[in-house]
Every structure is written in structure tokens, then in C-alpha cells.
């Protein structure tokens, strides 16, 4: 998962994605009702789904902008590993 690759908690970012999806879908439905009226259900729902996908893309964009997490291998080397093997 992208969040784990960035060194972030994946569970938190899953919740952010769900919340962004729902909030942008609600905003899209409200805008759809404003533009098309309550009678045009297909137009309202289409705009809601398109907006919801936009919410997902916003979260993905935010995660893409975060730097990747690289484990510092030099800090994980033990002192005994630096010596040649003993017979």
C-alpha cells in the first residue's frame, strides 16, 4: 500500500480515504441538486459519484507528494557484523 511505502499508518489513510469519498460525494450530490434539481436523479447521482472519485484522487495526490520512507541500513548494522567471520 502507498501509505506503508511512505512510512505512514495504512489504517489511518484508509479512514481518510473513506471520509474524503463520503464528504466529496455529499458535496457532489448537493451541487447536483442545485444544478439539475431534485427530479433528475441520474444527473445528481452521476455528479455525486464523479465527486466521490475526486475525493479518492485528492487523498492519493496527498500521499504521492509525501516522501518515501527509506530505512537507514547503516544504523541497523551491529558491531559484530563489521568484523570478519571467526573460525
PDB file of N, CA and C in Angstrom:
ATOM      1  N   UNK A   1       0.845  -1.188   0.000  1.00  0.00           N
ATOM      2  CA  UNK A   1       0.000   0.000   0.000  1.00  0.00           C
ATOM      3  C   UNK A   1       0.879   1.236   0.000  1.00  0.00           C
ATOM      4  N   UNK A   2       0.367   2.288  -0.565  1.00  0.00           N
ATOM      5  CA  UNK A   2       1.123   3.516  -0.736  1.00  0.00           C
ATOM      6  C   UNK A   2       1.498   4.146   0.607  1.00  0.00           C
ATOM      7  N   UNK A   3       0.601   4.122   1.571  1.00  0.00           N
ATOM      8  CA  UNK A   3       0.894   4.719   2.878  1.00  0.00           C
ATOM      9  C   UNK A   3       2.030   3.980   3.577  1.00  0.00           C
ATOM     10  N   UNK A   4       2.048   2.654   3.492  1.00  0.00           N
ATOM     11  CA  UNK A   4       3.126   1.878   4.111  1.00  0.00           C
ATOM     12  C   UNK A   4       4.454   2.170   3.431  1.00  0.00           C
ATOM     13  N   UNK A   5       4.437   2.361   2.135  1.00  0.00           N
ATOM     14  CA  UNK A   5       5.644   2.695   1.392  1.00  0.00           C
ATOM     15  C   UNK A   5       6.193   4.048   1.842  1.00  0.00           C
ATOM     16  N   UNK A   6       5.318   4.922   2.264  1.00  0.00           N
ATOM     17  CA  UNK A   6       5.720   6.246   2.730  1.00  0.00           C
ATOM     18  C   UNK A   6       6.079   6.251   4.217  1.00  0.00           C
ATOM     19  N   UNK A   7       5.928   5.108   4.885  1.00  0.00           N
ATOM     20  CA  UNK A   7       6.240   5.021   6.310  1.00  0.00           C
ATOM     21  C   UNK A   7       5.115   5.541   7.190  1.00  0.00           C
ATOM     22  N   UNK A   8       3.889   5.552   6.685  1.00  0.00           N
ATOM     23  CA  UNK A   8       2.733   6.053   7.428  1.00  0.00           C
ATOM     24  C   UNK A   8       1.811   4.900   7.791  1.00  0.00           C
ATOM     25  N   UNK A   9       0.916   5.147   8.723  1.00  0.00           N
ATOM     26  CA  UNK A   9      -0.022   4.126   9.169  1.00  0.00           C
ATOM     27  C   UNK A   9      -1.102   3.913   8.104  1.00  0.00           C
ATOM     28  N   UNK A  10      -1.161   2.715   7.480  1.00  0.00           N
ATOM     29  CA  UNK A  10      -2.158   2.479   6.419  1.00  0.00           C
ATOM     30  C   UNK A  10      -3.596   2.577   6.901  1.00  0.00           C
ATOM     31  N   UNK A  11      -3.855   2.162   8.130  1.00  0.00           N
ATOM     32  CA  UNK A  11      -5.227   2.209   8.649  1.00  0.00           C
ATOM     33  C   UNK A  11      -5.747   3.648   8.697  1.00  0.00           C
ATOM     34  N   UNK A  12      -4.907   4.569   9.122  1.00  0.00           N
ATOM     35  CA  UNK A  12      -5.295   5.973   9.190  1.00  0.00           C
ATOM     36  C   UNK A  12      -5.637   6.505   7.800  1.00  0.00           C
ATOM     37  N   UNK A  13      -4.818   6.166   6.833  1.00  0.00           N
ATOM     38  CA  UNK A  13      -5.042   6.665   5.481  1.00  0.00           C
ATOM     39  C   UNK A  13      -6.224   5.987   4.809  1.00  0.00           C
ATOM     40  N   UNK A  14      -6.563   4.773   5.217  1.00  0.00           N
ATOM     41  CA  UNK A  14      -7.792   4.148   4.717  1.00  0.00           C
ATOM     42  C   UNK A  14      -9.006   4.929   5.208  1.00  0.00           C
ATOM     43  N   UNK A  15      -8.971   5.332   6.475  1.00  0.00           N
ATOM     44  CA  UNK A  15     -10.077   6.128   7.023  1.00  0.00           C
ATOM     45  C   UNK A  15     -10.166   7.488   6.338  1.00  0.00           C
ATOM     46  N   UNK A  16      -9.006   8.112   6.088  1.00  0.00           N
ATOM     47  CA  UNK A  16      -9.008   9.388   5.378  1.00  0.00           C
ATOM     48  C   UNK A  16      -9.651   9.240   4.000  1.00  0.00           C
ATOM     49  N   UNK A  17      -9.348   8.121   3.325  1.00  0.00           N
ATOM     50  CA  UNK A  17      -9.910   7.880   2.000  1.00  0.00           C
ATOM     51  C   UNK A  17     -11.423   7.708   2.064  1.00  0.00           C
ATOM     52  N   UNK A  18     -11.896   6.930   3.040  1.00  0.00           N
ATOM     53  CA  UNK A  18     -13.340   6.720   3.190  1.00  0.00           C
ATOM     54  C   UNK A  18     -14.044   8.045   3.502  1.00  0.00           C
ATOM     55  N   UNK A  19     -13.471   8.820   4.410  1.00  0.00           N
ATOM     56  CA  UNK A  19     -14.078  10.109   4.763  1.00  0.00           C
ATOM     57  C   UNK A  19     -14.076  11.073   3.583  1.00  0.00           C
ATOM     58  N   UNK A  20     -12.977  11.130   2.847  1.00  0.00           N
ATOM     59  CA  UNK A  20     -12.908  12.014   1.683  1.00  0.00           C
ATOM     60  C   UNK A  20     -13.922  11.585   0.629  1.00  0.00           C
ATOM     61  N   UNK A  21     -14.055  10.261   0.443  1.00  0.00           N
ATOM     62  CA  UNK A  21     -15.027   9.741  -0.532  1.00  0.00           C
ATOM     63  C   UNK A  21     -16.442  10.194  -0.163  1.00  0.00           C
ATOM     64  N   UNK A  22     -16.815   9.970   1.117  1.00  0.00           N
ATOM     65  CA  UNK A  22     -18.177  10.305   1.553  1.00  0.00           C
ATOM     66  C   UNK A  22     -18.439  11.811   1.511  1.00  0.00           C
ATOM     67  N   UNK A  23     -17.489  12.593   2.005  1.00  0.00           N
ATOM     68  CA  UNK A  23     -17.702  14.043   2.039  1.00  0.00           C
ATOM     69  C   UNK A  23     -17.802  14.632   0.641  1.00  0.00           C
ATOM     70  N   UNK A  24     -16.930  14.209  -0.264  1.00  0.00           N
ATOM     71  CA  UNK A  24     -16.996  14.768  -1.609  1.00  0.00           C
ATOM     72  C   UNK A  24     -18.221  14.254  -2.371  1.00  0.00           C
ATOM     73  N   UNK A  25     -18.674  13.042  -2.043  1.00  0.00           N
ATOM     74  CA  UNK A  25     -19.901  12.553  -2.670  1.00  0.00           C
ATOM     75  C   UNK A  25     -21.107  13.381  -2.222  1.00  0.00           C
ATOM     76  N   UNK A  26     -21.166  13.686  -0.934  1.00  0.00           N
ATOM     77  CA  UNK A  26     -22.260  14.524  -0.420  1.00  0.00           C
ATOM     78  C   UNK A  26     -22.213  15.913  -1.054  1.00  0.00           C
ATOM     79  N   UNK A  27     -21.012  16.469  -1.159  1.00  0.00           N
ATOM     80  CA  UNK A  27     -20.876  17.787  -1.794  1.00  0.00           C
ATOM     81  C   UNK A  27     -21.311  17.718  -3.254  1.00  0.00           C
ATOM     82  N   UNK A  28     -20.921  16.641  -3.952  1.00  0.00           N
ATOM     83  CA  UNK A  28     -21.322  16.471  -5.347  1.00  0.00           C
ATOM     84  C   UNK A  28     -22.824  16.338  -5.504  1.00  0.00           C
ATOM     85  N   UNK A  29     -23.482  15.618  -4.581  1.00  0.00           N
ATOM     86  CA  UNK A  29     -24.945  15.477  -4.641  1.00  0.00           C
ATOM     87  C   UNK A  29     -25.608  16.824  -4.403  1.00  0.00           C
ATOM     88  N   UNK A  30     -25.102  17.595  -3.461  1.00  0.00           N
ATOM     89  CA  UNK A  30     -25.680  18.917  -3.188  1.00  0.00           C
ATOM     90  C   UNK A  30     -25.532  19.822  -4.412  1.00  0.00           C
ATOM     91  N   UNK A  31     -24.355  19.794  -5.028  1.00  0.00           N
ATOM     92  CA  UNK A  31     -24.150  20.591  -6.236  1.00  0.00           C
ATOM     93  C   UNK A  31     -25.056  20.089  -7.363  1.00  0.00           C
ATOM     94  N   UNK A  32     -25.210  18.767  -7.460  1.00  0.00           N
ATOM     95  CA  UNK A  32     -26.078  18.191  -8.482  1.00  0.00           C
ATOM     96  C   UNK A  32     -27.527  18.601  -8.308  1.00  0.00           C
ATOM     97  N   UNK A  33     -28.003  18.606  -7.075  1.00  0.00           N
ATOM     98  CA  UNK A  33     -29.379  19.050  -6.805  1.00  0.00           C
ATOM     99  C   UNK A  33     -29.539  20.520  -7.169  1.00  0.00           C
ATOM    100  N   UNK A  34     -28.505  21.306  -6.874  1.00  0.00           N
ATOM    101  CA  UNK A  34     -28.553  22.729  -7.208  1.00  0.00           C
ATOM    102  C   UNK A  34     -28.593  22.941  -8.717  1.00  0.00           C
ATOM    103  N   UNK A  35     -27.793  22.173  -9.449  1.00  0.00           N
ATOM    104  CA  UNK A  35     -27.714  22.355 -10.900  1.00  0.00           C
ATOM    105  C   UNK A  35     -28.893  21.727 -11.642  1.00  0.00           C
ATOM    106  N   UNK A  36     -29.229  20.491 -11.278  1.00  0.00           N
ATOM    107  CA  UNK A  36     -30.206  19.724 -12.049  1.00  0.00           C
ATOM    108  C   UNK A  36     -31.603  19.679 -11.423  1.00  0.00           C
ATOM    109  N   UNK A  37     -31.711  20.006 -10.153  1.00  0.00           N
ATOM    110  CA  UNK A  37     -32.990  19.895  -9.463  1.00  0.00           C
ATOM    111  C   UNK A  37     -33.174  18.490  -8.916  1.00  0.00           C
ATOM    112  N   UNK A  38     -34.192  18.302  -8.113  1.00  0.00           N
ATOM    113  CA  UNK A  38     -34.422  17.009  -7.468  1.00  0.00           C
ATOM    114  C   UNK A  38     -35.011  15.972  -8.417  1.00  0.00           C
ATOM    115  N   UNK A  39     -35.541  16.384  -9.545  1.00  0.00           N
ATOM    116  CA  UNK A  39     -36.208  15.462 -10.460  1.00  0.00           C
ATOM    117  C   UNK A  39     -35.230  14.650 -11.315  1.00  0.00           C
ATOM    118  N   UNK A  40     -34.052  15.173 -11.562  1.00  0.00           N
ATOM    119  CA  UNK A  40     -33.077  14.497 -12.414  1.00  0.00           C
ATOM    120  C   UNK A  40     -32.132  13.658 -11.551  1.00  0.00           C
ATOM    121  N   UNK A  41     -32.595  12.480 -11.158  1.00  0.00           N
ATOM    122  CA  UNK A  41     -31.831  11.632 -10.251  1.00  0.00           C
ATOM    123  C   UNK A  41     -30.537  11.127 -10.885  1.00  0.00           C
ATOM    124  N   UNK A  42     -30.558  10.796 -12.164  1.00  0.00           N
ATOM    125  CA  UNK A  42     -29.354  10.291 -12.832  1.00  0.00           C
ATOM    126  C   UNK A  42     -28.247  11.347 -12.867  1.00  0.00           C
ATOM    127  N   UNK A  43     -28.594  12.571 -13.140  1.00  0.00           N
ATOM    128  CA  UNK A  43     -27.605  13.654 -13.164  1.00  0.00           C
ATOM    129  C   UNK A  43     -27.017  13.917 -11.795  1.00  0.00           C
ATOM    130  N   UNK A  44     -27.882  13.901 -10.781  1.00  0.00           N
ATOM    131  CA  UNK A  44     -27.435  14.157  -9.408  1.00  0.00           C
ATOM    132  C   UNK A  44     -26.508  13.041  -8.930  1.00  0.00           C
ATOM    133  N   UNK A  45     -26.892  11.793  -9.153  1.00  0.00           N
ATOM    134  CA  UNK A  45     -26.076  10.654  -8.702  1.00  0.00           C
ATOM    135  C   UNK A  45     -24.767  10.551  -9.488  1.00  0.00           C
ATOM    136  N   UNK A  46     -24.820  10.878 -10.773  1.00  0.00           N
ATOM    137  CA  UNK A  46     -23.602  10.855 -11.584  1.00  0.00           C
ATOM    138  C   UNK A  46     -22.592  11.871 -11.072  1.00  0.00           C
ATOM    139  N   UNK A  47     -23.071  13.056 -10.776  1.00  0.00           N
ATOM    140  CA  UNK A  47     -22.177  14.082 -10.243  1.00  0.00           C
ATOM    141  C   UNK A  47     -21.657  13.683  -8.861  1.00  0.00           C
ATOM    142  N   UNK A  48     -22.487  13.016  -8.076  1.00  0.00           N
ATOM    143  CA  UNK A  48     -22.047  12.544  -6.760  1.00  0.00           C
ATOM    144  C   UNK A  48     -20.937  11.510  -6.865  1.00  0.00           C
ATOM    145  N   UNK A  49     -21.083  10.550  -7.776  1.00  0.00           N
ATOM    146  CA  UNK A  49     -20.057   9.512  -7.943  1.00  0.00           C
ATOM    147  C   UNK A  49     -18.766  10.088  -8.504  1.00  0.00           C
ATOM    148  N   UNK A  50     -18.884  10.993  -9.455  1.00  0.00           N
ATOM    149  CA  UNK A  50     -17.685  11.635 -10.008  1.00  0.00           C
ATOM    150  C   UNK A  50     -16.960  12.429  -8.926  1.00  0.00           C
ATOM    151  N   UNK A  51     -17.713  13.117  -8.096  1.00  0.00           N
ATOM    152  CA  UNK A  51     -17.114  13.881  -6.996  1.00  0.00           C
ATOM    153  C   UNK A  51     -16.463  12.957  -5.975  1.00  0.00           C
ATOM    154  N   UNK A  52     -17.096  11.818  -5.704  1.00  0.00           N
ATOM    155  CA  UNK A  52     -16.533  10.863  -4.747  1.00  0.00           C
ATOM    156  C   UNK A  52     -15.193  10.335  -5.242  1.00  0.00           C
ATOM    157  N   UNK A  53     -15.105  10.018  -6.527  1.00  0.00           N
ATOM    158  CA  UNK A  53     -13.835   9.572  -7.089  1.00  0.00           C
ATOM    159  C   UNK A  53     -12.794  10.682  -6.998  1.00  0.00           C
ATOM    160  N   UNK A  54     -13.230  11.925  -7.120  1.00  0.00           N
ATOM    161  CA  UNK A  54     -12.334  13.062  -6.931  1.00  0.00           C
ATOM    162  C   UNK A  54     -11.774  13.115  -5.520  1.00  0.00           C
ATOM    163  N   UNK A  55     -12.578  12.751  -4.528  1.00  0.00           N
ATOM    164  CA  UNK A  55     -12.094  12.702  -3.144  1.00  0.00           C
ATOM    165  C   UNK A  55     -10.995  11.674  -2.974  1.00  0.00           C
ATOM    166  N   UNK A  56     -11.178  10.512  -3.616  1.00  0.00           N
ATOM    167  CA  UNK A  56     -10.123   9.489  -3.596  1.00  0.00           C
ATOM    168  C   UNK A  56      -8.848  10.026  -4.242  1.00  0.00           C
ATOM    169  N   UNK A  57      -8.996  10.715  -5.375  1.00  0.00           N
ATOM    170  CA  UNK A  57      -7.823  11.235  -6.075  1.00  0.00           C
ATOM    171  C   UNK A  57      -7.092  12.296  -5.253  1.00  0.00           C
ATOM    172  N   UNK A  58      -7.836  13.065  -4.473  1.00  0.00           N
ATOM    173  CA  UNK A  58      -7.205  14.066  -3.605  1.00  0.00           C
ATOM    174  C   UNK A  58      -6.322  13.380  -2.567  1.00  0.00           C
ATOM    175  N   UNK A  59      -6.838  12.330  -1.914  1.00  0.00           N
ATOM    176  CA  UNK A  59      -6.051  11.602  -0.916  1.00  0.00           C
ATOM    177  C   UNK A  59      -4.839  10.949  -1.569  1.00  0.00           C
ATOM    178  N   UNK A  60      -5.015  10.381  -2.743  1.00  0.00           N
ATOM    179  CA  UNK A  60      -3.896   9.757  -3.451  1.00  0.00           C
ATOM    180  C   UNK A  60      -2.839  10.803  -3.804  1.00  0.00           C
ATOM    181  N   UNK A  61      -3.269  11.979  -4.231  1.00  0.00           N
ATOM    182  CA  UNK A  61      -2.338  13.059  -4.550  1.00  0.00           C
ATOM    183  C   UNK A  61      -1.537  13.473  -3.316  1.00  0.00           C
ATOM    184  N   UNK A  62      -2.210  13.593  -2.171  1.00  0.00           N
ATOM    185  CA  UNK A  62      -1.524  13.972  -0.933  1.00  0.00           C
ATOM    186  C   UNK A  62      -0.488  12.913  -0.562  1.00  0.00           C
ATOM    187  N   UNK A  63      -0.842  11.639  -0.677  1.00  0.00           N
ATOM    188  CA  UNK A  63       0.105  10.566  -0.362  1.00  0.00           C
ATOM    189  C   UNK A  63       1.259  10.516  -1.358  1.00  0.00           C
ATOM    190  N   UNK A  64       0.980  10.759  -2.622  1.00  0.00           N
ATOM    191  CA  UNK A  64       2.050  10.760  -3.626  1.00  0.00           C
ATOM    192  C   UNK A  64       3.075  11.853  -3.367  1.00  0.00           C
ATOM    193  N   UNK A  65       2.641  12.966  -2.813  1.00  0.00           N
ATOM    194  CA  UNK A  65       3.543  14.088  -2.538  1.00  0.00           C
ATOM    195  C   UNK A  65       4.453  13.835  -1.338  1.00  0.00           C
ATOM    196  N   UNK A  66       4.084  12.918  -0.459  1.00  0.00           N
ATOM    197  CA  UNK A  66       4.900  12.628   0.724  1.00  0.00           C
ATOM    198  C   UNK A  66       6.129  11.827   0.298  1.00  0.00           C
ATOM    199  N   UNK A  67       7.269  12.065   0.964  1.00  0.00           N
ATOM    200  CA  UNK A  67       8.493  11.338   0.577  1.00  0.00           C
ATOM    201  C   UNK A  67       8.422   9.867   0.985  1.00  0.00           C
ATOM    202  N   UNK A  68       9.100   9.027   0.203  1.00  0.00           N
ATOM    203  CA  UNK A  68       9.183   7.611   0.533  1.00  0.00           C
ATOM    204  C   UNK A  68      10.015   7.413   1.792  1.00  0.00           C
ATOM    205  N   UNK A  69       9.715   6.339   2.509  1.00  0.00           N
ATOM    206  CA  UNK A  69      10.436   6.003   3.727  1.00  0.00           C
ATOM    207  C   UNK A  69      11.557   5.035   3.369  1.00  0.00           C
ATOM    208  N   UNK A  70      12.783   5.420   3.685  1.00  0.00           N
ATOM    209  CA  UNK A  70      13.926   4.544   3.465  1.00  0.00           C
ATOM    210  C   UNK A  70      14.539   4.213   4.808  1.00  0.00           C
ATOM    211  N   UNK A  71      14.671   2.927   5.072  1.00  0.00           N
ATOM    212  CA  UNK A  71      15.283   2.518   6.329  1.00  0.00           C
ATOM    213  C   UNK A  71      16.777   2.729   6.218  1.00  0.00           C
ATOM    214  N   UNK A  72      17.336   3.342   7.217  1.00  0.00           N
ATOM    215  CA  UNK A  72      18.768   3.595   7.242  1.00  0.00           C
ATOM    216  C   UNK A  72      19.488   2.286   7.546  1.00  0.00           C
ATOM    217  N   UNK A  73      20.027   1.635   6.540  1.00  0.00           N
ATOM    218  CA  UNK A  73      20.694   0.352   6.747  1.00  0.00           C
ATOM    219  C   UNK A  73      21.945   0.490   7.602  1.00  0.00           C
ATOM    220  N   UNK A  74      22.601   1.610   7.552  1.00  0.00           N
ATOM    221  CA  UNK A  74      23.840   1.784   8.315  1.00  0.00           C
ATOM    222  C   UNK A  74      23.569   1.736   9.814  1.00  0.00           C
ATOM    223  N   UNK A  75      22.400   2.185  10.234  1.00  0.00           N
ATOM    224  CA  UNK A  75      22.068   2.173  11.654  1.00  0.00           C
ATOM    225  C   UNK A  75      21.611   0.801  12.129  1.00  0.00           C
ATOM    226  N   UNK A  76      21.256  -0.088  11.229  1.00  0.00           N
ATOM    227  CA  UNK A  76      20.794  -1.412  11.637  1.00  0.00           C
ATOM    228  C   UNK A  76      21.921  -2.438  11.651  1.00  0.00           C
ATOM    229  N   UNK A  77      23.113  -2.044  11.253  1.00  0.00           N
ATOM    230  CA  UNK A  77      24.252  -2.962  11.269  1.00  0.00           C
ATOM    231  C   UNK A  77      24.800  -3.023  12.689  1.00  0.00           C
ATOM    232  N   UNK A  78      24.953  -4.242  13.199  1.00  0.00           N
ATOM    233  CA  UNK A  78      25.532  -4.415  14.528  1.00  0.00           C
ATOM    234  C   UNK A  78      27.056  -4.353  14.458  1.00  0.00           C
ATOM    235  N   UNK A  79      27.696  -4.103  15.583  1.00  0.00           N
ATOM    236  CA  UNK A  79      29.157  -4.003  15.626  1.00  0.00           C
ATOM    237  C   UNK A  79      29.786  -5.345  15.279  1.00  0.00           C
ATOM    238  N   UNK A  80      29.205  -6.443  15.711  1.00  0.00           N
ATOM    239  CA  UNK A  80      29.766  -7.753  15.440  1.00  0.00           C
ATOM    240  C   UNK A  80      29.707  -8.102  13.953  1.00  0.00           C
ATOM    241  N   UNK A  81      28.802  -7.507  13.221  1.00  0.00           N
ATOM    242  CA  UNK A  81      28.677  -7.801  11.800  1.00  0.00           C
ATOM    243  C   UNK A  81      29.776  -7.145  10.978  1.00  0.00           C
ATOM    244  N   UNK A  82      30.487  -6.171  11.561  1.00  0.00           N
ATOM    245  CA  UNK A  82      31.542  -5.477  10.840  1.00  0.00           C
ATOM    246  C   UNK A  82      32.858  -6.230  10.853  1.00  0.00           C
ATOM    247  N   UNK A  83      33.026  -7.140  11.797  1.00  0.00           N
ATOM    248  CA  UNK A  83      34.284  -7.923  11.892  1.00  0.00           C
ATOM    249  C   UNK A  83      34.225  -9.107  10.951  1.00  0.00           C
ATOM    250  N   UNK A  84      35.400  -9.571  10.480  1.00  0.00           N
ATOM    251  CA  UNK A  84      35.391 -10.774   9.635  1.00  0.00           C
ATOM    252  C   UNK A  84      34.938 -11.986  10.449  1.00  0.00           C
ATOM    253  N   UNK A  85      34.400 -13.011   9.779  1.00  0.00           N
ATOM    254  CA  UNK A  85      33.915 -14.190  10.498  1.00  0.00           C
ATOM    255  C   UNK A  85      35.058 -14.917  11.189  1.00  0.00           C
ATOM    256  N   UNK A  86      34.786 -15.442  12.367  1.00  0.00           N
ATOM    257  CA  UNK A  86      35.782 -16.195  13.144  1.00  0.00           C
ATOM    258  C   UNK A  86      35.546 -17.673  12.926  1.00  0.00           C
ATOM    259  N   UNK A  87      36.647 -18.409  12.845  1.00  0.00           N
ATOM    260  CA  UNK A  87      36.538 -19.854  12.653  1.00  0.00           C
ATOM    261  C   UNK A  87      36.445 -20.589  13.935  1.00  0.00           C
TER     262      UNK A  87
END
